[in-house]
Each structure stands twice: as C-alpha cells, then as structure tokens.
C-alpha cells in the first residue's frame, strides 16, 4: 500500500533551524521520494518500508531535543504527483 506523509518539525527553542535541517537531512538519505517546502516536508513510499524508516528518525530527533513537536499527516496513496485543477 502506498503512503504519503507530511511532516512539520517544531523544536521549542530559540535556535531551532539546525534541528530542522538535521531532521530533513536524515530524510534525504533515504530511498523515498521527498518534496520539501518552507512549511513542511513530504515523503512518499510503501507503507511498511516508509513507517519502518520514519520511526527511528523521529525517535533520534526526540531523544536529542528537550522539547519538540512533530506534526504528522498520513494519507493513503501516493500523492506526489498532485496538481491543482483550479
């Protein structure tokens, strides 16, 4: 089953940019299709493989940071080719 995931990482500290950059770099090193924009990162792939990959990435970031929020949206299917029709 294909999966589309949108991630928004919000470190709760003044110097938040390095944490976000490190998290995105950890995602870039994967086999998955990744799209980045200023507000979030989307990653696309097979459900089992993608979730297996994401769990340790999220855990590592949570272990490094004292306070952090991760907004995670899961959509069944591969939405990487979405184009607005309006």
PDB file of N, CA and C in Angstrom:
ATOM      1  N   UNK A   1       0.840  -1.172   0.000  1.00  0.00           N
ATOM      2  CA  UNK A   1       0.000   0.000   0.000  1.00  0.00           C
ATOM      3  C   UNK A   1       0.893   1.246   0.000  1.00  0.00           C
ATOM      4  N   UNK A   2       0.582   2.174  -0.860  1.00  0.00           N
ATOM      5  CA  UNK A   2       1.323   3.427  -0.957  1.00  0.00           C
ATOM      6  C   UNK A   2       0.886   4.379   0.155  1.00  0.00           C
ATOM      7  N   UNK A   3       1.832   5.244   0.576  1.00  0.00           N
ATOM      8  CA  UNK A   3       1.567   6.191   1.649  1.00  0.00           C
ATOM      9  C   UNK A   3       2.224   7.526   1.332  1.00  0.00           C
ATOM     10  N   UNK A   4       1.519   8.599   1.656  1.00  0.00           N
ATOM     11  CA  UNK A   4       2.054   9.951   1.584  1.00  0.00           C
ATOM     12  C   UNK A   4       2.075  10.504   3.005  1.00  0.00           C
ATOM     13  N   UNK A   5       3.217  11.067   3.398  1.00  0.00           N
ATOM     14  CA  UNK A   5       3.370  11.592   4.756  1.00  0.00           C
ATOM     15  C   UNK A   5       3.851  13.030   4.678  1.00  0.00           C
ATOM     16  N   UNK A   6       3.179  13.903   5.432  1.00  0.00           N
ATOM     17  CA  UNK A   6       3.631  15.290   5.555  1.00  0.00           C
ATOM     18  C   UNK A   6       4.129  15.484   6.973  1.00  0.00           C
ATOM     19  N   UNK A   7       5.347  16.010   7.104  1.00  0.00           N
ATOM     20  CA  UNK A   7       5.984  16.206   8.408  1.00  0.00           C
ATOM     21  C   UNK A   7       6.313  17.680   8.606  1.00  0.00           C
ATOM     22  N   UNK A   8       5.977  18.203   9.779  1.00  0.00           N
ATOM     23  CA  UNK A   8       6.383  19.540  10.170  1.00  0.00           C
ATOM     24  C   UNK A   8       7.006  19.427  11.550  1.00  0.00           C
ATOM     25  N   UNK A   9       8.305  19.695  11.643  1.00  0.00           N
ATOM     26  CA  UNK A   9       9.033  19.606  12.899  1.00  0.00           C
ATOM     27  C   UNK A   9       9.131  20.993  13.515  1.00  0.00           C
ATOM     28  N   UNK A  10       8.803  21.087  14.797  1.00  0.00           N
ATOM     29  CA  UNK A  10       8.809  22.372  15.502  1.00  0.00           C
ATOM     30  C   UNK A  10       9.602  22.220  16.805  1.00  0.00           C
ATOM     31  N   UNK A  11      10.909  22.477  16.772  1.00  0.00           N
ATOM     32  CA  UNK A  11      11.686  22.465  18.008  1.00  0.00           C
ATOM     33  C   UNK A  11      11.299  23.681  18.860  1.00  0.00           C
ATOM     34  N   UNK A  12      11.090  23.473  20.138  1.00  0.00           N
ATOM     35  CA  UNK A  12      10.660  24.559  21.022  1.00  0.00           C
ATOM     36  C   UNK A  12      11.880  25.176  21.716  1.00  0.00           C
ATOM     37  N   UNK A  13      12.649  25.905  20.897  1.00  0.00           N
ATOM     38  CA  UNK A  13      13.828  26.603  21.405  1.00  0.00           C
ATOM     39  C   UNK A  13      14.169  27.724  20.431  1.00  0.00           C
ATOM     40  N   UNK A  14      14.996  28.667  20.887  1.00  0.00           N
ATOM     41  CA  UNK A  14      15.343  29.813  20.044  1.00  0.00           C
ATOM     42  C   UNK A  14      16.101  29.412  18.791  1.00  0.00           C
ATOM     43  N   UNK A  15      17.111  28.584  18.937  1.00  0.00           N
ATOM     44  CA  UNK A  15      17.951  28.186  17.813  1.00  0.00           C
ATOM     45  C   UNK A  15      17.398  26.888  17.199  1.00  0.00           C
ATOM     46  N   UNK A  16      16.267  26.993  16.520  1.00  0.00           N
ATOM     47  CA  UNK A  16      15.550  25.820  16.023  1.00  0.00           C
ATOM     48  C   UNK A  16      16.007  25.340  14.644  1.00  0.00           C
ATOM     49  N   UNK A  17      16.647  26.194  13.869  1.00  0.00           N
ATOM     50  CA  UNK A  17      16.979  25.862  12.480  1.00  0.00           C
ATOM     51  C   UNK A  17      17.909  24.652  12.360  1.00  0.00           C
ATOM     52  N   UNK A  18      18.984  24.531  13.145  1.00  0.00           N
ATOM     53  CA  UNK A  18      19.852  23.355  12.993  1.00  0.00           C
ATOM     54  C   UNK A  18      19.116  22.030  13.215  1.00  0.00           C
ATOM     55  N   UNK A  19      18.204  22.003  14.152  1.00  0.00           N
ATOM     56  CA  UNK A  19      17.450  20.771  14.411  1.00  0.00           C
ATOM     57  C   UNK A  19      16.602  20.393  13.205  1.00  0.00           C
ATOM     58  N   UNK A  20      15.945  21.361  12.610  1.00  0.00           N
ATOM     59  CA  UNK A  20      15.108  21.110  11.431  1.00  0.00           C
ATOM     60  C   UNK A  20      15.975  20.643  10.262  1.00  0.00           C
ATOM     61  N   UNK A  21      17.096  21.314  10.051  1.00  0.00           N
ATOM     62  CA  UNK A  21      17.994  20.924   8.954  1.00  0.00           C
ATOM     63  C   UNK A  21      18.504  19.497   9.140  1.00  0.00           C
ATOM     64  N   UNK A  22      18.896  19.154  10.365  1.00  0.00           N
ATOM     65  CA  UNK A  22      19.390  17.792  10.625  1.00  0.00           C
ATOM     66  C   UNK A  22      18.310  16.754  10.357  1.00  0.00           C
ATOM     67  N   UNK A  23      17.082  17.054  10.755  1.00  0.00           N
ATOM     68  CA  UNK A  23      15.976  16.119  10.540  1.00  0.00           C
ATOM     69  C   UNK A  23      15.728  15.918   9.044  1.00  0.00           C
ATOM     70  N   UNK A  24      15.688  17.013   8.302  1.00  0.00           N
ATOM     71  CA  UNK A  24      15.461  16.915   6.851  1.00  0.00           C
ATOM     72  C   UNK A  24      16.603  16.152   6.180  1.00  0.00           C
ATOM     73  N   UNK A  25      17.834  16.413   6.593  1.00  0.00           N
ATOM     74  CA  UNK A  25      18.977  15.686   6.021  1.00  0.00           C
ATOM     75  C   UNK A  25      18.872  14.190   6.289  1.00  0.00           C
ATOM     76  N   UNK A  26      18.354  13.814   7.461  1.00  0.00           N
ATOM     77  CA  UNK A  26      18.197  12.387   7.761  1.00  0.00           C
ATOM     78  C   UNK A  26      17.161  11.744   6.850  1.00  0.00           C
ATOM     79  N   UNK A  27      16.176  12.514   6.418  1.00  0.00           N
ATOM     80  CA  UNK A  27      15.166  12.000   5.488  1.00  0.00           C
ATOM     81  C   UNK A  27      15.725  11.912   4.069  1.00  0.00           C
ATOM     82  N   UNK A  28      16.537  12.887   3.694  1.00  0.00           N
ATOM     83  CA  UNK A  28      17.112  12.916   2.340  1.00  0.00           C
ATOM     84  C   UNK A  28      17.956  11.685   2.042  1.00  0.00           C
ATOM     85  N   UNK A  29      18.536  11.089   3.038  1.00  0.00           N
ATOM     86  CA  UNK A  29      19.397   9.943   2.828  1.00  0.00           C
ATOM     87  C   UNK A  29      18.648   8.648   2.573  1.00  0.00           C
ATOM     88  N   UNK A  30      17.361   8.737   2.359  1.00  0.00           N
ATOM     89  CA  UNK A  30      16.537   7.536   2.180  1.00  0.00           C
ATOM     90  C   UNK A  30      16.302   7.235   0.708  1.00  0.00           C
ATOM     91  N   UNK A  31      15.647   6.117   0.478  1.00  0.00           N
ATOM     92  CA  UNK A  31      15.283   5.685  -0.872  1.00  0.00           C
ATOM     93  C   UNK A  31      13.961   6.286  -1.341  1.00  0.00           C
ATOM     94  N   UNK A  32      13.321   7.064  -0.483  1.00  0.00           N
ATOM     95  CA  UNK A  32      11.962   7.535  -0.759  1.00  0.00           C
ATOM     96  C   UNK A  32      11.950   8.852  -1.528  1.00  0.00           C
ATOM     97  N   UNK A  33      10.843   9.096  -2.203  1.00  0.00           N
ATOM     98  CA  UNK A  33      10.615  10.354  -2.906  1.00  0.00           C
ATOM     99  C   UNK A  33      10.282  11.412  -1.857  1.00  0.00           C
ATOM    100  N   UNK A  34      11.032  12.526  -1.864  1.00  0.00           N
ATOM    101  CA  UNK A  34      10.846  13.578  -0.869  1.00  0.00           C
ATOM    102  C   UNK A  34      10.639  14.908  -1.568  1.00  0.00           C
ATOM    103  N   UNK A  35       9.657  15.666  -1.106  1.00  0.00           N
ATOM    104  CA  UNK A  35       9.427  17.025  -1.577  1.00  0.00           C
ATOM    105  C   UNK A  35       9.501  17.942  -0.366  1.00  0.00           C
ATOM    106  N   UNK A  36      10.226  19.046  -0.511  1.00  0.00           N
ATOM    107  CA  UNK A  36      10.399  19.980   0.596  1.00  0.00           C
ATOM    108  C   UNK A  36       9.829  21.333   0.213  1.00  0.00           C
ATOM    109  N   UNK A  37       9.282  22.023   1.207  1.00  0.00           N
ATOM    110  CA  UNK A  37       8.878  23.409   1.036  1.00  0.00           C
ATOM    111  C   UNK A  37       9.136  24.124   2.357  1.00  0.00           C
ATOM    112  N   UNK A  38       8.950  25.434   2.428  1.00  0.00           N
ATOM    113  CA  UNK A  38       9.293  26.156   3.659  1.00  0.00           C
ATOM    114  C   UNK A  38       8.467  25.752   4.895  1.00  0.00           C
ATOM    115  N   UNK A  39       7.333  25.122   4.717  1.00  0.00           N
ATOM    116  CA  UNK A  39       6.464  24.807   5.847  1.00  0.00           C
ATOM    117  C   UNK A  39       6.473  23.346   6.257  1.00  0.00           C
ATOM    118  N   UNK A  40       6.824  22.454   5.345  1.00  0.00           N
ATOM    119  CA  UNK A  40       6.776  21.030   5.680  1.00  0.00           C
ATOM    120  C   UNK A  40       7.613  20.233   4.684  1.00  0.00           C
ATOM    121  N   UNK A  41       7.743  18.962   4.998  1.00  0.00           N
ATOM    122  CA  UNK A  41       8.429  18.020   4.119  1.00  0.00           C
ATOM    123  C   UNK A  41       7.477  16.870   3.855  1.00  0.00           C
ATOM    124  N   UNK A  42       7.350  16.487   2.606  1.00  0.00           N
ATOM    125  CA  UNK A  42       6.507  15.344   2.254  1.00  0.00           C
ATOM    126  C   UNK A  42       7.411  14.201   1.818  1.00  0.00           C
ATOM    127  N   UNK A  43       7.029  13.001   2.212  1.00  0.00           N
ATOM    128  CA  UNK A  43       7.783  11.807   1.843  1.00  0.00           C
ATOM    129  C   UNK A  43       6.788  10.735   1.408  1.00  0.00           C
ATOM    130  N   UNK A  44       7.141  10.001   0.349  1.00  0.00           N
ATOM    131  CA  UNK A  44       6.218   9.073  -0.294  1.00  0.00           C
ATOM    132  C   UNK A  44       6.876   7.711  -0.469  1.00  0.00           C
ATOM    133  N   UNK A  45       6.084   6.657  -0.243  1.00  0.00           N
ATOM    134  CA  UNK A  45       6.620   5.314  -0.442  1.00  0.00           C
ATOM    135  C   UNK A  45       5.646   4.245  -0.014  1.00  0.00           C
ATOM    136  N   UNK A  46       6.138   3.013   0.045  1.00  0.00           N
ATOM    137  CA  UNK A  46       5.328   1.895   0.513  1.00  0.00           C
ATOM    138  C   UNK A  46       5.152   2.017   2.022  1.00  0.00           C
ATOM    139  N   UNK A  47       3.939   1.758   2.499  1.00  0.00           N
ATOM    140  CA  UNK A  47       3.580   1.967   3.901  1.00  0.00           C
ATOM    141  C   UNK A  47       4.585   1.328   4.862  1.00  0.00           C
ATOM    142  N   UNK A  48       4.786   0.031   4.772  1.00  0.00           N
ATOM    143  CA  UNK A  48       5.634  -0.669   5.741  1.00  0.00           C
ATOM    144  C   UNK A  48       7.067  -0.147   5.722  1.00  0.00           C
ATOM    145  N   UNK A  49       7.631   0.023   4.554  1.00  0.00           N
ATOM    146  CA  UNK A  49       9.010   0.498   4.436  1.00  0.00           C
ATOM    147  C   UNK A  49       9.134   1.936   4.942  1.00  0.00           C
ATOM    148  N   UNK A  50       8.181   2.767   4.593  1.00  0.00           N
ATOM    149  CA  UNK A  50       8.241   4.168   4.988  1.00  0.00           C
ATOM    150  C   UNK A  50       8.085   4.330   6.498  1.00  0.00           C
ATOM    151  N   UNK A  51       7.141   3.646   7.092  1.00  0.00           N
ATOM    152  CA  UNK A  51       6.950   3.748   8.541  1.00  0.00           C
ATOM    153  C   UNK A  51       8.143   3.157   9.286  1.00  0.00           C
ATOM    154  N   UNK A  52       8.698   2.071   8.787  1.00  0.00           N
ATOM    155  CA  UNK A  52       9.877   1.464   9.399  1.00  0.00           C
ATOM    156  C   UNK A  52      11.058   2.432   9.362  1.00  0.00           C
ATOM    157  N   UNK A  53      11.172   3.187   8.277  1.00  0.00           N
ATOM    158  CA  UNK A  53      12.232   4.185   8.152  1.00  0.00           C
ATOM    159  C   UNK A  53      11.994   5.387   9.070  1.00  0.00           C
ATOM    160  N   UNK A  54      10.761   5.885   9.133  1.00  0.00           N
ATOM    161  CA  UNK A  54      10.476   7.113   9.876  1.00  0.00           C
ATOM    162  C   UNK A  54      10.598   6.961  11.391  1.00  0.00           C
ATOM    163  N   UNK A  55      10.200   5.826  11.932  1.00  0.00           N
ATOM    164  CA  UNK A  55      10.176   5.658  13.395  1.00  0.00           C
ATOM    165  C   UNK A  55      11.540   5.963  14.034  1.00  0.00           C
ATOM    166  N   UNK A  56      12.645   5.381  13.572  1.00  0.00           N
ATOM    167  CA  UNK A  56      13.922   5.718  14.214  1.00  0.00           C
ATOM    168  C   UNK A  56      14.384   7.157  13.956  1.00  0.00           C
ATOM    169  N   UNK A  57      14.012   7.733  12.813  1.00  0.00           N
ATOM    170  CA  UNK A  57      14.380   9.125  12.534  1.00  0.00           C
ATOM    171  C   UNK A  57      13.696  10.056  13.538  1.00  0.00           C
ATOM    172  N   UNK A  58      12.421   9.808  13.766  1.00  0.00           N
ATOM    173  CA  UNK A  58      11.659  10.621  14.725  1.00  0.00           C
ATOM    174  C   UNK A  58      12.205  10.409  16.136  1.00  0.00           C
ATOM    175  N   UNK A  59      12.439   9.169  16.506  1.00  0.00           N
ATOM    176  CA  UNK A  59      12.942   8.865  17.843  1.00  0.00           C
ATOM    177  C   UNK A  59      14.286   9.547  18.099  1.00  0.00           C
ATOM    178  N   UNK A  60      15.190   9.506  17.144  1.00  0.00           N
ATOM    179  CA  UNK A  60      16.502  10.140  17.311  1.00  0.00           C
ATOM    180  C   UNK A  60      16.361  11.640  17.551  1.00  0.00           C
ATOM    181  N   UNK A  61      15.480  12.282  16.806  1.00  0.00           N
ATOM    182  CA  UNK A  61      15.259  13.720  16.992  1.00  0.00           C
ATOM    183  C   UNK A  61      14.652  14.001  18.354  1.00  0.00           C
ATOM    184  N   UNK A  62      13.686  13.199  18.763  1.00  0.00           N
ATOM    185  CA  UNK A  62      13.054  13.387  20.074  1.00  0.00           C
ATOM    186  C   UNK A  62      14.056  13.163  21.208  1.00  0.00           C
ATOM    187  N   UNK A  63      14.973  12.234  21.034  1.00  0.00           N
ATOM    188  CA  UNK A  63      15.968  11.977  22.073  1.00  0.00           C
ATOM    189  C   UNK A  63      16.983  13.118  22.189  1.00  0.00           C
ATOM    190  N   UNK A  64      17.260  13.803  21.100  1.00  0.00           N
ATOM    191  CA  UNK A  64      18.210  14.918  21.081  1.00  0.00           C
ATOM    192  C   UNK A  64      17.640  16.193  21.678  1.00  0.00           C
ATOM    193  N   UNK A  65      16.355  16.373  21.551  1.00  0.00           N
ATOM    194  CA  UNK A  65      15.731  17.646  21.898  1.00  0.00           C
ATOM    195  C   UNK A  65      14.977  17.567  23.214  1.00  0.00           C
ATOM    196  N   UNK A  66      15.042  18.653  23.982  1.00  0.00           N
ATOM    197  CA  UNK A  66      14.310  18.704  25.244  1.00  0.00           C
ATOM    198  C   UNK A  66      12.814  18.856  25.003  1.00  0.00           C
ATOM    199  N   UNK A  67      12.457  19.688  24.015  1.00  0.00           N
ATOM    200  CA  UNK A  67      11.042  19.930  23.718  1.00  0.00           C
ATOM    201  C   UNK A  67      10.884  20.116  22.210  1.00  0.00           C
ATOM    202  N   UNK A  68      10.031  19.306  21.613  1.00  0.00           N
ATOM    203  CA  UNK A  68       9.838  19.359  20.160  1.00  0.00           C
ATOM    204  C   UNK A  68       8.434  18.855  19.831  1.00  0.00           C
ATOM    205  N   UNK A  69       7.863  19.425  18.806  1.00  0.00           N
ATOM    206  CA  UNK A  69       6.564  18.995  18.290  1.00  0.00           C
ATOM    207  C   UNK A  69       6.787  18.459  16.883  1.00  0.00           C
ATOM    208  N   UNK A  70       6.123  17.382  16.558  1.00  0.00           N
ATOM    209  CA  UNK A  70       6.135  16.875  15.188  1.00  0.00           C
ATOM    210  C   UNK A  70       4.689  16.726  14.738  1.00  0.00           C
ATOM    211  N   UNK A  71       4.320  17.500  13.734  1.00  0.00           N
ATOM    212  CA  UNK A  71       3.006  17.344  13.129  1.00  0.00           C
ATOM    213  C   UNK A  71       3.161  16.360  11.995  1.00  0.00           C
ATOM    214  N   UNK A  72       2.328  15.340  11.998  1.00  0.00           N
ATOM    215  CA  UNK A  72       2.451  14.251  11.041  1.00  0.00           C
ATOM    216  C   UNK A  72       1.084  13.993  10.420  1.00  0.00           C
ATOM    217  N   UNK A  73       1.031  14.064   9.110  1.00  0.00           N
ATOM    218  CA  UNK A  73      -0.206  13.750   8.384  1.00  0.00           C
ATOM    219  C   UNK A  73       0.056  12.550   7.503  1.00  0.00           C
ATOM    220  N   UNK A  74      -0.815  11.570   7.569  1.00  0.00           N
ATOM    221  CA  UNK A  74      -0.706  10.368   6.750  1.00  0.00           C
ATOM    222  C   UNK A  74      -1.882  10.314   5.792  1.00  0.00           C
ATOM    223  N   UNK A  75      -1.589  10.104   4.531  1.00  0.00           N
ATOM    224  CA  UNK A  75      -2.628   9.981   3.512  1.00  0.00           C
ATOM    225  C   UNK A  75      -2.400   8.674   2.773  1.00  0.00           C
ATOM    226  N   UNK A  76      -3.425   7.860   2.715  1.00  0.00           N
ATOM    227  CA  UNK A  76      -3.313   6.611   1.959  1.00  0.00           C
ATOM    228  C   UNK A  76      -3.161   6.948   0.486  1.00  0.00           C
ATOM    229  N   UNK A  77      -2.170   6.339  -0.143  1.00  0.00           N
ATOM    230  CA  UNK A  77      -1.915   6.568  -1.562  1.00  0.00           C
ATOM    231  C   UNK A  77      -0.715   7.460  -1.776  1.00  0.00           C
ATOM    232  N   UNK A  78      -0.220   7.477  -2.987  1.00  0.00           N
ATOM    233  CA  UNK A  78       0.920   8.311  -3.367  1.00  0.00           C
ATOM    234  C   UNK A  78       0.394   9.582  -4.004  1.00  0.00           C
ATOM    235  N   UNK A  79       0.510  10.689  -3.282  1.00  0.00           N
ATOM    236  CA  UNK A  79       0.003  11.986  -3.755  1.00  0.00           C
ATOM    237  C   UNK A  79       1.134  12.866  -4.305  1.00  0.00           C
ATOM    238  N   UNK A  80       2.289  12.276  -4.589  1.00  0.00           N
ATOM    239  CA  UNK A  80       3.442  13.062  -5.016  1.00  0.00           C
ATOM    240  C   UNK A  80       3.246  13.756  -6.360  1.00  0.00           C
ATOM    241  N   UNK A  81       2.328  13.254  -7.163  1.00  0.00           N
ATOM    242  CA  UNK A  81       2.103  13.869  -8.475  1.00  0.00           C
ATOM    243  C   UNK A  81       0.873  14.781  -8.475  1.00  0.00           C
ATOM    244  N   UNK A  82       0.402  15.184  -7.308  1.00  0.00           N
ATOM    245  CA  UNK A  82      -0.787  16.035  -7.201  1.00  0.00           C
ATOM    246  C   UNK A  82      -0.546  17.368  -7.908  1.00  0.00           C
ATOM    247  N   UNK A  83      -1.511  17.754  -8.728  1.00  0.00           N
ATOM    248  CA  UNK A  83      -1.503  19.050  -9.405  1.00  0.00           C
ATOM    249  C   UNK A  83      -2.894  19.674  -9.210  1.00  0.00           C
ATOM    250  N   UNK A  84      -2.946  20.901  -8.688  1.00  0.00           N
ATOM    251  CA  UNK A  84      -4.249  21.559  -8.507  1.00  0.00           C
ATOM    252  C   UNK A  84      -4.950  21.697  -9.863  1.00  0.00           C
ATOM    253  N   UNK A  85      -6.256  21.550  -9.874  1.00  0.00           N
ATOM    254  CA  UNK A  85      -7.017  21.684 -11.116  1.00  0.00           C
ATOM    255  C   UNK A  85      -7.929  22.898 -11.087  1.00  0.00           C
ATOM    256  N   UNK A  86      -7.503  23.921 -10.383  1.00  0.00           N
ATOM    257  CA  UNK A  86      -8.311  25.150 -10.301  1.00  0.00           C
ATOM    258  C   UNK A  86      -7.445  26.359 -10.535  1.00  0.00           C
TER     259      UNK A  86
END
